[in-house]
Amino acid sequence: MTDHPARAAAAAAHICDLAEATTDPRRAYASPAEIAAVTGSLRELARHLEDALRHLEAGIGRRDDGDWAAPDGERPRPYARQAGGAVQSARAEARNMVRALDRAMEALGPFRPAP
């Protein structure tokens, strides 16, 4: 087994920390520049999420049919097809997030940090 589940859990915990730290709108962001920086970082996160979902989808498709045998002798179900389709949809949504955050970064242009 790989350490991928632990890495995904750690990434989710970091995003959870950010969400909790920004719950109070009066103290969430100190300046437009900070908003632009966080927006840019979230855009990169969405790009990496899209890549990770693409890899997950490929991993689902590469498994042998025997890997998807129903537990405890239940009748077979289309686990791979259902999971693959759901992951494919999530990947499309991540791609849409990247596009939307690209537009947000364009709007925040004057506040972007220098490269």
PDB file of N, CA and C in Angstrom:
ATOM      1  N   MET A   1       0.851  -1.179   0.000  1.00  0.00           N
ATOM      2  CA  MET A   1       0.000   0.000   0.000  1.00  0.00           C
ATOM      3  C   MET A   1       0.896   1.242   0.000  1.00  0.00           C
ATOM      4  N   THR A   2       0.462   2.255  -0.680  1.00  0.00           N
ATOM      5  CA  THR A   2       1.209   3.505  -0.767  1.00  0.00           C
ATOM      6  C   THR A   2       0.833   4.430   0.381  1.00  0.00           C
ATOM      7  N   ASP A   3       1.500   5.570   0.435  1.00  0.00           N
ATOM      8  CA  ASP A   3       1.148   6.567   1.439  1.00  0.00           C
ATOM      9  C   ASP A   3       0.158   7.588   0.897  1.00  0.00           C
ATOM     10  N   HIS A   4      -0.437   7.292  -0.257  1.00  0.00           N
ATOM     11  CA  HIS A   4      -1.372   8.229  -0.880  1.00  0.00           C
ATOM     12  C   HIS A   4      -2.572   8.558  -0.003  1.00  0.00           C
ATOM     13  N   PRO A   5      -3.182   7.590   0.680  1.00  0.00           N
ATOM     14  CA  PRO A   5      -4.309   7.959   1.546  1.00  0.00           C
ATOM     15  C   PRO A   5      -3.898   8.951   2.648  1.00  0.00           C
ATOM     16  N   ALA A   6      -2.727   8.764   3.219  1.00  0.00           N
ATOM     17  CA  ALA A   6      -2.265   9.675   4.270  1.00  0.00           C
ATOM     18  C   ALA A   6      -1.975  11.062   3.703  1.00  0.00           C
ATOM     19  N   ARG A   7      -1.402  11.118   2.517  1.00  0.00           N
ATOM     20  CA  ARG A   7      -1.121  12.414   1.892  1.00  0.00           C
ATOM     21  C   ARG A   7      -2.422  13.162   1.585  1.00  0.00           C
ATOM     22  N   ALA A   8      -3.416  12.441   1.070  1.00  0.00           N
ATOM     23  CA  ALA A   8      -4.703  13.075   0.767  1.00  0.00           C
ATOM     24  C   ALA A   8      -5.360  13.575   2.055  1.00  0.00           C
ATOM     25  N   ALA A   9      -5.268  12.794   3.124  1.00  0.00           N
ATOM     26  CA  ALA A   9      -5.842  13.209   4.405  1.00  0.00           C
ATOM     27  C   ALA A   9      -5.126  14.449   4.949  1.00  0.00           C
ATOM     28  N   ALA A  10      -3.821  14.520   4.798  1.00  0.00           N
ATOM     29  CA  ALA A  10      -3.059  15.685   5.264  1.00  0.00           C
ATOM     30  C   ALA A  10      -3.443  16.926   4.464  1.00  0.00           C
ATOM     31  N   ALA A  11      -3.596  16.780   3.160  1.00  0.00           N
ATOM     32  CA  ALA A  11      -4.003  17.915   2.330  1.00  0.00           C
ATOM     33  C   ALA A  11      -5.382  18.408   2.741  1.00  0.00           C
ATOM     34  N   ALA A  12      -6.293  17.488   2.994  1.00  0.00           N
ATOM     35  CA  ALA A  12      -7.639  17.873   3.425  1.00  0.00           C
ATOM     36  C   ALA A  12      -7.587  18.595   4.766  1.00  0.00           C
ATOM     37  N   ALA A  13      -6.717  18.155   5.659  1.00  0.00           N
ATOM     38  CA  ALA A  13      -6.590  18.806   6.968  1.00  0.00           C
ATOM     39  C   ALA A  13      -6.082  20.238   6.820  1.00  0.00           C
ATOM     40  N   HIS A  14      -5.147  20.461   5.905  1.00  0.00           N
ATOM     41  CA  HIS A  14      -4.634  21.817   5.684  1.00  0.00           C
ATOM     42  C   HIS A  14      -5.734  22.736   5.152  1.00  0.00           C
ATOM     43  N   ILE A  15      -6.534  22.243   4.229  1.00  0.00           N
ATOM     44  CA  ILE A  15      -7.627  23.050   3.689  1.00  0.00           C
ATOM     45  C   ILE A  15      -8.666  23.309   4.775  1.00  0.00           C
ATOM     46  N   CYS A  16      -8.909  22.330   5.594  1.00  0.00           N
ATOM     47  CA  CYS A  16      -9.836  22.507   6.716  1.00  0.00           C
ATOM     48  C   CYS A  16      -9.326  23.606   7.647  1.00  0.00           C
ATOM     49  N   ASP A  17      -8.013  23.602   7.930  1.00  0.00           N
ATOM     50  CA  ASP A  17      -7.422  24.645   8.778  1.00  0.00           C
ATOM     51  C   ASP A  17      -7.622  26.024   8.167  1.00  0.00           C
ATOM     52  N   LEU A  18      -7.403  26.147   6.845  1.00  0.00           N
ATOM     53  CA  LEU A  18      -7.608  27.429   6.173  1.00  0.00           C
ATOM     54  C   LEU A  18      -9.069  27.860   6.282  1.00  0.00           C
ATOM     55  N   ALA A  19      -9.979  26.927   6.040  1.00  0.00           N
ATOM     56  CA  ALA A  19     -11.403  27.258   6.111  1.00  0.00           C
ATOM     57  C   ALA A  19     -11.783  27.729   7.521  1.00  0.00           C
ATOM     58  N   GLU A  20     -11.269  27.051   8.533  1.00  0.00           N
ATOM     59  CA  GLU A  20     -11.585  27.440   9.908  1.00  0.00           C
ATOM     60  C   GLU A  20     -10.960  28.785  10.266  1.00  0.00           C
ATOM     61  N   ALA A  21      -9.764  29.047   9.745  1.00  0.00           N
ATOM     62  CA  ALA A  21      -9.074  30.302  10.057  1.00  0.00           C
ATOM     63  C   ALA A  21      -9.726  31.505   9.392  1.00  0.00           C
ATOM     64  N   THR A  22     -10.536  31.266   8.389  1.00  0.00           N
ATOM     65  CA  THR A  22     -11.140  32.375   7.649  1.00  0.00           C
ATOM     66  C   THR A  22     -12.649  32.476   7.852  1.00  0.00           C
ATOM     67  N   THR A  23     -13.157  31.887   8.908  1.00  0.00           N
ATOM     68  CA  THR A  23     -14.606  31.913   9.136  1.00  0.00           C
ATOM     69  C   THR A  23     -15.114  33.294   9.528  1.00  0.00           C
ATOM     70  N   ASP A  24     -14.323  34.069  10.226  1.00  0.00           N
ATOM     71  CA  ASP A  24     -14.741  35.405  10.644  1.00  0.00           C
ATOM     72  C   ASP A  24     -14.337  36.401   9.559  1.00  0.00           C
ATOM     73  N   PRO A  25     -15.285  36.938   8.803  1.00  0.00           N
ATOM     74  CA  PRO A  25     -14.934  37.821   7.691  1.00  0.00           C
ATOM     75  C   PRO A  25     -14.214  39.097   8.126  1.00  0.00           C
ATOM     76  N   ARG A  26     -14.361  39.486   9.386  1.00  0.00           N
ATOM     77  CA  ARG A  26     -13.688  40.704   9.865  1.00  0.00           C
ATOM     78  C   ARG A  26     -12.189  40.500  10.044  1.00  0.00           C
ATOM     79  N   ARG A  27     -11.776  39.257  10.247  1.00  0.00           N
ATOM     80  CA  ARG A  27     -10.358  38.981  10.474  1.00  0.00           C
ATOM     81  C   ARG A  27      -9.771  37.989   9.482  1.00  0.00           C
ATOM     82  N   ALA A  28     -10.544  37.600   8.480  1.00  0.00           N
ATOM     83  CA  ALA A  28     -10.106  36.538   7.577  1.00  0.00           C
ATOM     84  C   ALA A  28      -8.922  36.944   6.711  1.00  0.00           C
ATOM     85  N   TYR A  29      -8.981  38.106   6.111  1.00  0.00           N
ATOM     86  CA  TYR A  29      -7.933  38.538   5.185  1.00  0.00           C
ATOM     87  C   TYR A  29      -7.560  39.976   5.500  1.00  0.00           C
ATOM     88  N   ALA A  30      -6.268  40.246   5.595  1.00  0.00           N
ATOM     89  CA  ALA A  30      -5.783  41.557   6.014  1.00  0.00           C
ATOM     90  C   ALA A  30      -5.808  42.595   4.901  1.00  0.00           C
ATOM     91  N   SER A  31      -5.733  42.150   3.644  1.00  0.00           N
ATOM     92  CA  SER A  31      -5.626  43.121   2.553  1.00  0.00           C
ATOM     93  C   SER A  31      -6.025  42.473   1.232  1.00  0.00           C
ATOM     94  N   PRO A  32      -6.273  43.289   0.206  1.00  0.00           N
ATOM     95  CA  PRO A  32      -6.526  42.741  -1.124  1.00  0.00           C
ATOM     96  C   PRO A  32      -5.347  41.911  -1.641  1.00  0.00           C
ATOM     97  N   ALA A  33      -4.138  42.305  -1.278  1.00  0.00           N
ATOM     98  CA  ALA A  33      -2.964  41.528  -1.701  1.00  0.00           C
ATOM     99  C   ALA A  33      -2.987  40.128  -1.089  1.00  0.00           C
ATOM    100  N   GLU A  34      -3.415  40.037   0.144  1.00  0.00           N
ATOM    101  CA  GLU A  34      -3.523  38.726   0.794  1.00  0.00           C
ATOM    102  C   GLU A  34      -4.621  37.892   0.126  1.00  0.00           C
ATOM    103  N   ILE A  35      -5.716  38.539  -0.216  1.00  0.00           N
ATOM    104  CA  ILE A  35      -6.791  37.842  -0.933  1.00  0.00           C
ATOM    105  C   ILE A  35      -6.274  37.318  -2.263  1.00  0.00           C
ATOM    106  N   ALA A  36      -5.525  38.142  -2.988  1.00  0.00           N
ATOM    107  CA  ALA A  36      -4.975  37.711  -4.272  1.00  0.00           C
ATOM    108  C   ALA A  36      -4.000  36.546  -4.092  1.00  0.00           C
ATOM    109  N   ALA A  37      -3.186  36.608  -3.055  1.00  0.00           N
ATOM    110  CA  ALA A  37      -2.226  35.523  -2.804  1.00  0.00           C
ATOM    111  C   ALA A  37      -2.940  34.209  -2.492  1.00  0.00           C
ATOM    112  N   VAL A  38      -3.958  34.278  -1.650  1.00  0.00           N
ATOM    113  CA  VAL A  38      -4.712  33.068  -1.311  1.00  0.00           C
ATOM    114  C   VAL A  38      -5.461  32.549  -2.532  1.00  0.00           C
ATOM    115  N   THR A  39      -6.027  33.447  -3.308  1.00  0.00           N
ATOM    116  CA  THR A  39      -6.739  33.039  -4.531  1.00  0.00           C
ATOM    117  C   THR A  39      -5.790  32.324  -5.478  1.00  0.00           C
ATOM    118  N   GLY A  40      -4.601  32.858  -5.664  1.00  0.00           N
ATOM    119  CA  GLY A  40      -3.612  32.213  -6.523  1.00  0.00           C
ATOM    120  C   GLY A  40      -3.205  30.849  -6.007  1.00  0.00           C
ATOM    121  N   SER A  41      -3.042  30.737  -4.705  1.00  0.00           N
ATOM    122  CA  SER A  41      -2.677  29.436  -4.126  1.00  0.00           C
ATOM    123  C   SER A  41      -3.808  28.427  -4.278  1.00  0.00           C
ATOM    124  N   LEU A  42      -5.043  28.877  -4.101  1.00  0.00           N
ATOM    125  CA  LEU A  42      -6.184  27.974  -4.285  1.00  0.00           C
ATOM    126  C   LEU A  42      -6.322  27.550  -5.746  1.00  0.00           C
ATOM    127  N   ARG A  43      -5.979  28.442  -6.666  1.00  0.00           N
ATOM    128  CA  ARG A  43      -5.987  28.072  -8.082  1.00  0.00           C
ATOM    129  C   ARG A  43      -4.968  26.955  -8.334  1.00  0.00           C
ATOM    130  N   GLU A  44      -3.787  27.082  -7.751  1.00  0.00           N
ATOM    131  CA  GLU A  44      -2.770  26.030  -7.910  1.00  0.00           C
ATOM    132  C   GLU A  44      -3.240  24.734  -7.261  1.00  0.00           C
ATOM    133  N   LEU A  45      -3.892  24.852  -6.113  1.00  0.00           N
ATOM    134  CA  LEU A  45      -4.455  23.673  -5.458  1.00  0.00           C
ATOM    135  C   LEU A  45      -5.462  22.985  -6.366  1.00  0.00           C
ATOM    136  N   ALA A  46      -6.325  23.769  -7.002  1.00  0.00           N
ATOM    137  CA  ALA A  46      -7.323  23.193  -7.912  1.00  0.00           C
ATOM    138  C   ALA A  46      -6.645  22.499  -9.085  1.00  0.00           C
ATOM    139  N   ARG A  47      -5.562  23.083  -9.601  1.00  0.00           N
ATOM    140  CA  ARG A  47      -4.818  22.433 -10.692  1.00  0.00           C
ATOM    141  C   ARG A  47      -4.258  21.093 -10.245  1.00  0.00           C
ATOM    142  N   HIS A  48      -3.674  21.076  -9.055  1.00  0.00           N
ATOM    143  CA  HIS A  48      -3.113  19.824  -8.546  1.00  0.00           C
ATOM    144  C   HIS A  48      -4.214  18.812  -8.229  1.00  0.00           C
ATOM    145  N   LEU A  49      -5.341  19.305  -7.750  1.00  0.00           N
ATOM    146  CA  LEU A  49      -6.481  18.421  -7.495  1.00  0.00           C
ATOM    147  C   LEU A  49      -6.956  17.785  -8.794  1.00  0.00           C
ATOM    148  N   GLU A  50      -7.027  18.577  -9.847  1.00  0.00           N
ATOM    149  CA  GLU A  50      -7.429  18.031 -11.149  1.00  0.00           C
ATOM    150  C   GLU A  50      -6.459  16.932 -11.596  1.00  0.00           C
ATOM    151  N   ASP A  51      -5.159  17.175 -11.422  1.00  0.00           N
ATOM    152  CA  ASP A  51      -4.162  16.156 -11.777  1.00  0.00           C
ATOM    153  C   ASP A  51      -4.333  14.895 -10.928  1.00  0.00           C
ATOM    154  N   ALA A  52      -4.515  15.085  -9.624  1.00  0.00           N
ATOM    155  CA  ALA A  52      -4.672  13.935  -8.730  1.00  0.00           C
ATOM    156  C   ALA A  52      -5.921  13.134  -9.090  1.00  0.00           C
ATOM    157  N   LEU A  53      -6.992  13.826  -9.447  1.00  0.00           N
ATOM    158  CA  LEU A  53      -8.218  13.126  -9.844  1.00  0.00           C
ATOM    159  C   LEU A  53      -8.023  12.380 -11.161  1.00  0.00           C
ATOM    160  N   ARG A  54      -7.250  12.952 -12.078  1.00  0.00           N
ATOM    161  CA  ARG A  54      -6.948  12.261 -13.339  1.00  0.00           C
ATOM    162  C   ARG A  54      -6.185  10.965 -13.040  1.00  0.00           C
ATOM    163  N   HIS A  55      -5.220  11.051 -12.135  1.00  0.00           N
ATOM    164  CA  HIS A  55      -4.437   9.866 -11.776  1.00  0.00           C
ATOM    165  C   HIS A  55      -5.297   8.831 -11.051  1.00  0.00           C
ATOM    166  N   LEU A  56      -6.194   9.304 -10.200  1.00  0.00           N
ATOM    167  CA  LEU A  56      -7.103   8.394  -9.498  1.00  0.00           C
ATOM    168  C   LEU A  56      -8.011   7.680 -10.487  1.00  0.00           C
ATOM    169  N   GLU A  57      -8.529   8.428 -11.436  1.00  0.00           N
ATOM    170  CA  GLU A  57      -9.398   7.835 -12.453  1.00  0.00           C
ATOM    171  C   GLU A  57      -8.641   6.762 -13.244  1.00  0.00           C
ATOM    172  N   ALA A  58      -7.397   7.055 -13.599  1.00  0.00           N
ATOM    173  CA  ALA A  58      -6.585   6.074 -14.319  1.00  0.00           C
ATOM    174  C   ALA A  58      -6.322   4.847 -13.449  1.00  0.00           C
ATOM    175  N   GLY A  59      -6.084   5.063 -12.160  1.00  0.00           N
ATOM    176  CA  GLY A  59      -5.859   3.946 -11.243  1.00  0.00           C
ATOM    177  C   GLY A  59      -7.076   3.055 -11.116  1.00  0.00           C
ATOM    178  N   ILE A  60      -8.243   3.654 -11.095  1.00  0.00           N
ATOM    179  CA  ILE A  60      -9.484   2.876 -11.039  1.00  0.00           C
ATOM    180  C   ILE A  60      -9.606   2.020 -12.288  1.00  0.00           C
ATOM    181  N   GLY A  61      -9.308   2.604 -13.435  1.00  0.00           N
ATOM    182  CA  GLY A  61      -9.436   1.885 -14.697  1.00  0.00           C
ATOM    183  C   GLY A  61      -8.420   0.777 -14.889  1.00  0.00           C
ATOM    184  N   ARG A  62      -7.282   0.859 -14.216  1.00  0.00           N
ATOM    185  CA  ARG A  62      -6.221  -0.152 -14.382  1.00  0.00           C
ATOM    186  C   ARG A  62      -6.410  -1.384 -13.519  1.00  0.00           C
ATOM    187  N   ARG A  63      -7.297  -1.348 -12.567  1.00  0.00           N
ATOM    188  CA  ARG A  63      -7.480  -2.489 -11.672  1.00  0.00           C
ATOM    189  C   ARG A  63      -8.126  -3.647 -12.432  1.00  0.00           C
ATOM    190  N   ASP A  64      -7.718  -4.844 -12.091  1.00  0.00           N
ATOM    191  CA  ASP A  64      -8.326  -6.044 -12.673  1.00  0.00           C
ATOM    192  C   ASP A  64      -9.746  -6.217 -12.136  1.00  0.00           C
ATOM    193  N   ASP A  65     -10.578  -6.896 -12.910  1.00  0.00           N
ATOM    194  CA  ASP A  65     -11.950  -7.147 -12.453  1.00  0.00           C
ATOM    195  C   ASP A  65     -11.968  -7.864 -11.107  1.00  0.00           C
ATOM    196  N   GLY A  66     -10.997  -8.736 -10.883  1.00  0.00           N
ATOM    197  CA  GLY A  66     -10.934  -9.466  -9.617  1.00  0.00           C
ATOM    198  C   GLY A  66     -10.717  -8.560  -8.424  1.00  0.00           C
ATOM    199  N   ASP A  67     -10.087  -7.423  -8.642  1.00  0.00           N
ATOM    200  CA  ASP A  67      -9.868  -6.469  -7.548  1.00  0.00           C
ATOM    201  C   ASP A  67     -11.180  -5.853  -7.074  1.00  0.00           C
ATOM    202  N   TRP A  68     -12.189  -5.872  -7.936  1.00  0.00           N
ATOM    203  CA  TRP A  68     -13.459  -5.233  -7.624  1.00  0.00           C
ATOM    204  C   TRP A  68     -14.523  -6.245  -7.213  1.00  0.00           C
ATOM    205  N   ALA A  69     -14.108  -7.456  -6.824  1.00  0.00           N
ATOM    206  CA  ALA A  69     -15.074  -8.473  -6.390  1.00  0.00           C
ATOM    207  C   ALA A  69     -15.848  -7.942  -5.184  1.00  0.00           C
ATOM    208  N   ALA A  70     -17.113  -8.238  -5.162  1.00  0.00           N
ATOM    209  CA  ALA A  70     -17.971  -7.763  -4.076  1.00  0.00           C
ATOM    210  C   ALA A  70     -17.547  -8.414  -2.761  1.00  0.00           C
ATOM    211  N   PRO A  71     -17.489  -7.636  -1.688  1.00  0.00           N
ATOM    212  CA  PRO A  71     -17.115  -8.213  -0.396  1.00  0.00           C
ATOM    213  C   PRO A  71     -18.199  -9.140   0.137  1.00  0.00           C
ATOM    214  N   ASP A  72     -17.775 -10.132   0.884  1.00  0.00           N
ATOM    215  CA  ASP A  72     -18.691 -11.055   1.569  1.00  0.00           C
ATOM    216  C   ASP A  72     -19.656 -11.764   0.633  1.00  0.00           C
ATOM    217  N   GLY A  73     -19.240 -12.013  -0.591  1.00  0.00           N
ATOM    218  CA  GLY A  73     -20.053 -12.794  -1.510  1.00  0.00           C
ATOM    219  C   GLY A  73     -21.295 -12.093  -2.024  1.00  0.00           C
ATOM    220  N   GLU A  74     -21.403 -10.795  -1.846  1.00  0.00           N
ATOM    221  CA  GLU A  74     -22.554 -10.076  -2.388  1.00  0.00           C
ATOM    222  C   GLU A  74     -22.535 -10.202  -3.905  1.00  0.00           C
ATOM    223  N   ARG A  75     -23.672  -9.936  -4.519  1.00  0.00           N
ATOM    224  CA  ARG A  75     -23.702 -10.026  -5.974  1.00  0.00           C
ATOM    225  C   ARG A  75     -22.821  -8.917  -6.558  1.00  0.00           C
ATOM    226  N   PRO A  76     -22.187  -9.179  -7.667  1.00  0.00           N
ATOM    227  CA  PRO A  76     -21.275  -8.184  -8.262  1.00  0.00           C
ATOM    228  C   PRO A  76     -22.011  -6.894  -8.627  1.00  0.00           C
ATOM    229  N   ARG A  77     -21.299  -5.802  -8.419  1.00  0.00           N
ATOM    230  CA  ARG A  77     -21.824  -4.485  -8.787  1.00  0.00           C
ATOM    231  C   ARG A  77     -20.764  -3.755  -9.601  1.00  0.00           C
ATOM    232  N   PRO A  78     -21.149  -2.758 -10.338  1.00  0.00           N
ATOM    233  CA  PRO A  78     -20.184  -2.036 -11.182  1.00  0.00           C
ATOM    234  C   PRO A  78     -19.396  -0.974 -10.402  1.00  0.00           C
ATOM    235  N   TYR A  79     -18.651  -1.422  -9.380  1.00  0.00           N
ATOM    236  CA  TYR A  79     -17.905  -0.489  -8.539  1.00  0.00           C
ATOM    237  C   TYR A  79     -16.997   0.419  -9.369  1.00  0.00           C
ATOM    238  N   ALA A  80     -16.189  -0.188 -10.228  1.00  0.00           N
ATOM    239  CA  ALA A  80     -15.200   0.581 -10.990  1.00  0.00           C
ATOM    240  C   ALA A  80     -15.880   1.594 -11.903  1.00  0.00           C
ATOM    241  N   ARG A  81     -16.906   1.180 -12.591  1.00  0.00           N
ATOM    242  CA  ARG A  81     -17.584   2.093 -13.516  1.00  0.00           C
ATOM    243  C   ARG A  81     -18.230   3.255 -12.762  1.00  0.00           C
ATOM    244  N   GLN A  82     -18.887   2.951 -11.658  1.00  0.00           N
ATOM    245  CA  GLN A  82     -19.543   4.002 -10.884  1.00  0.00           C
ATOM    246  C   GLN A  82     -18.529   4.956 -10.263  1.00  0.00           C
ATOM    247  N   ALA A  83     -17.497   4.398  -9.665  1.00  0.00           N
ATOM    248  CA  ALA A  83     -16.472   5.238  -9.045  1.00  0.00           C
ATOM    249  C   ALA A  83     -15.728   6.038 -10.106  1.00  0.00           C
ATOM    250  N   GLY A  84     -15.384   5.405 -11.213  1.00  0.00           N
ATOM    251  CA  GLY A  84     -14.669   6.093 -12.284  1.00  0.00           C
ATOM    252  C   GLY A  84     -15.476   7.250 -12.850  1.00  0.00           C
ATOM    253  N   GLY A  85     -16.760   7.032 -13.042  1.00  0.00           N
ATOM    254  CA  GLY A  85     -17.617   8.095 -13.546  1.00  0.00           C
ATOM    255  C   GLY A  85     -17.722   9.259 -12.570  1.00  0.00           C
ATOM    256  N   ALA A  86     -17.829   8.949 -11.290  1.00  0.00           N
ATOM    257  CA  ALA A  86     -17.918  10.000 -10.274  1.00  0.00           C
ATOM    258  C   ALA A  86     -16.613  10.787 -10.188  1.00  0.00           C
ATOM    259  N   VAL A  87     -15.485  10.098 -10.270  1.00  0.00           N
ATOM    260  CA  VAL A  87     -14.188  10.776 -10.224  1.00  0.00           C
ATOM    261  C   VAL A  87     -14.004  11.636 -11.476  1.00  0.00           C
ATOM    262  N   GLN A  88     -14.455  11.130 -12.616  1.00  0.00           N
ATOM    263  CA  GLN A  88     -14.374  11.909 -13.854  1.00  0.00           C
ATOM    264  C   GLN A  88     -15.180  13.205 -13.724  1.00  0.00           C
ATOM    265  N   SER A  89     -16.351  13.130 -13.122  1.00  0.00           N
ATOM    266  CA  SER A  89     -17.165  14.331 -12.889  1.00  0.00           C
ATOM    267  C   SER A  89     -16.464  15.296 -11.942  1.00  0.00           C
ATOM    268  N   ALA A  90     -15.853  14.760 -10.900  1.00  0.00           N
ATOM    269  CA  ALA A  90     -15.136  15.610  -9.954  1.00  0.00           C
ATOM    270  C   ALA A  90     -13.952  16.293 -10.630  1.00  0.00           C
ATOM    271  N   ARG A  91     -13.290  15.580 -11.527  1.00  0.00           N
ATOM    272  CA  ARG A  91     -12.166  16.165 -12.258  1.00  0.00           C
ATOM    273  C   ARG A  91     -12.645  17.329 -13.126  1.00  0.00           C
ATOM    274  N   ALA A  92     -13.791  17.171 -13.771  1.00  0.00           N
ATOM    275  CA  ALA A  92     -14.352  18.256 -14.584  1.00  0.00           C
ATOM    276  C   ALA A  92     -14.688  19.460 -13.706  1.00  0.00           C
ATOM    277  N   GLU A  93     -15.206  19.214 -12.517  1.00  0.00           N
ATOM    278  CA  GLU A  93     -15.510  20.309 -11.611  1.00  0.00           C
ATOM    279  C   GLU A  93     -14.235  21.004 -11.140  1.00  0.00           C
ATOM    280  N   ALA A  94     -13.178  20.238 -10.906  1.00  0.00           N
ATOM    281  CA  ALA A  94     -11.898  20.839 -10.529  1.00  0.00           C
ATOM    282  C   ALA A  94     -11.365  21.714 -11.664  1.00  0.00           C
ATOM    283  N   ARG A  95     -11.511  21.244 -12.896  1.00  0.00           N
ATOM    284  CA  ARG A  95     -11.083  22.030 -14.059  1.00  0.00           C
ATOM    285  C   ARG A  95     -11.874  23.338 -14.114  1.00  0.00           C
ATOM    286  N   ASN A  96     -13.177  23.271 -13.822  1.00  0.00           N
ATOM    287  CA  ASN A  96     -14.001  24.486 -13.791  1.00  0.00           C
ATOM    288  C   ASN A  96     -13.562  25.429 -12.666  1.00  0.00           C
ATOM    289  N   MET A  97     -13.143  24.862 -11.531  1.00  0.00           N
ATOM    290  CA  MET A  97     -12.630  25.693 -10.443  1.00  0.00           C
ATOM    291  C   MET A  97     -11.378  26.432 -10.883  1.00  0.00           C
ATOM    292  N   VAL A  98     -10.487  25.739 -11.586  1.00  0.00           N
ATOM    293  CA  VAL A  98      -9.270  26.386 -12.077  1.00  0.00           C
ATOM    294  C   VAL A  98      -9.639  27.563 -12.974  1.00  0.00           C
ATOM    295  N   ARG A  99     -10.554  27.334 -13.888  1.00  0.00           N
ATOM    296  CA  ARG A  99     -10.975  28.411 -14.800  1.00  0.00           C
ATOM    297  C   ARG A  99     -11.575  29.587 -14.043  1.00  0.00           C
ATOM    298  N   ALA A 100     -12.425  29.297 -13.083  1.00  0.00           N
ATOM    299  CA  ALA A 100     -13.059  30.364 -12.309  1.00  0.00           C
ATOM    300  C   ALA A 100     -12.021  31.132 -11.491  1.00  0.00           C
ATOM    301  N   LEU A 101     -11.084  30.420 -10.911  1.00  0.00           N
ATOM    302  CA  LEU A 101     -10.052  31.104 -10.130  1.00  0.00           C
ATOM    303  C   LEU A 101      -9.084  31.864 -11.025  1.00  0.00           C
ATOM    304  N   ASP A 102      -8.886  31.399 -12.257  1.00  0.00           N
ATOM    305  CA  ASP A 102      -8.116  32.177 -13.233  1.00  0.00           C
ATOM    306  C   ASP A 102      -8.801  33.527 -13.476  1.00  0.00           C
ATOM    307  N   ARG A 103     -10.125  33.493 -13.635  1.00  0.00           N
ATOM    308  CA  ARG A 103     -10.874  34.730 -13.842  1.00  0.00           C
ATOM    309  C   ARG A 103     -10.775  35.644 -12.611  1.00  0.00           C
ATOM    310  N   ALA A 104     -10.830  35.051 -11.434  1.00  0.00           N
ATOM    311  CA  ALA A 104     -10.690  35.843 -10.211  1.00  0.00           C
ATOM    312  C   ALA A 104      -9.308  36.487 -10.150  1.00  0.00           C
ATOM    313  N   MET A 105      -8.285  35.744 -10.540  1.00  0.00           N
ATOM    314  CA  MET A 105      -6.932  36.302 -10.529  1.00  0.00           C
ATOM    315  C   MET A 105      -6.793  37.440 -11.535  1.00  0.00           C
ATOM    316  N   GLU A 106      -7.453  37.309 -12.668  1.00  0.00           N
ATOM    317  CA  GLU A 106      -7.435  38.405 -13.645  1.00  0.00           C
ATOM    318  C   GLU A 106      -8.065  39.658 -13.041  1.00  0.00           C
ATOM    319  N   ALA A 107      -9.178  39.475 -12.346  1.00  0.00           N
ATOM    320  CA  ALA A 107      -9.857  40.618 -11.725  1.00  0.00           C
ATOM    321  C   ALA A 107      -9.010  41.227 -10.611  1.00  0.00           C
ATOM    322  N   LEU A 108      -8.217  40.400  -9.946  1.00  0.00           N
ATOM    323  CA  LEU A 108      -7.372  40.876  -8.839  1.00  0.00           C
ATOM    324  C   LEU A 108      -5.985  41.306  -9.315  1.00  0.00           C
ATOM    325  N   GLY A 109      -5.820  41.439 -10.624  1.00  0.00           N
ATOM    326  CA  GLY A 109      -4.519  41.740 -11.211  1.00  0.00           C
ATOM    327  C   GLY A 109      -3.682  42.773 -10.498  1.00  0.00           C
ATOM    328  N   PRO A 110      -4.228  43.941 -10.166  1.00  0.00           N
ATOM    329  CA  PRO A 110      -3.393  44.963  -9.518  1.00  0.00           C
ATOM    330  C   PRO A 110      -2.879  44.557  -8.129  1.00  0.00           C
ATOM    331  N   PHE A 111      -3.494  43.562  -7.531  1.00  0.00           N
ATOM    332  CA  PHE A 111      -3.117  43.156  -6.169  1.00  0.00           C
ATOM    333  C   PHE A 111      -2.263  41.894  -6.127  1.00  0.00           C
ATOM    334  N   ARG A 112      -1.989  41.335  -7.293  1.00  0.00           N
ATOM    335  CA  ARG A 112      -1.192  40.103  -7.343  1.00  0.00           C
ATOM    336  C   ARG A 112       0.210  40.361  -6.818  1.00  0.00           C
ATOM    337  N   PRO A 113       0.764  39.364  -6.143  1.00  0.00           N
ATOM    338  CA  PRO A 113       2.158  39.512  -5.709  1.00  0.00           C
ATOM    339  C   PRO A 113       3.084  39.492  -6.922  1.00  0.00           C
ATOM    340  N   ALA A 114       4.193  40.164  -6.815  1.00  0.00           N
ATOM    341  CA  ALA A 114       5.164  40.182  -7.914  1.00  0.00           C
ATOM    342  C   ALA A 114       5.740  38.780  -8.115  1.00  0.00           C
ATOM    343  N   PRO A 115       6.017  38.417  -9.377  1.00  0.00           N
ATOM    344  CA  PRO A 115       6.557  37.067  -9.625  1.00  0.00           C
ATOM    345  C   PRO A 115       7.938  36.876  -9.052  1.00  0.00           C
TER     346      PRO A 115
END
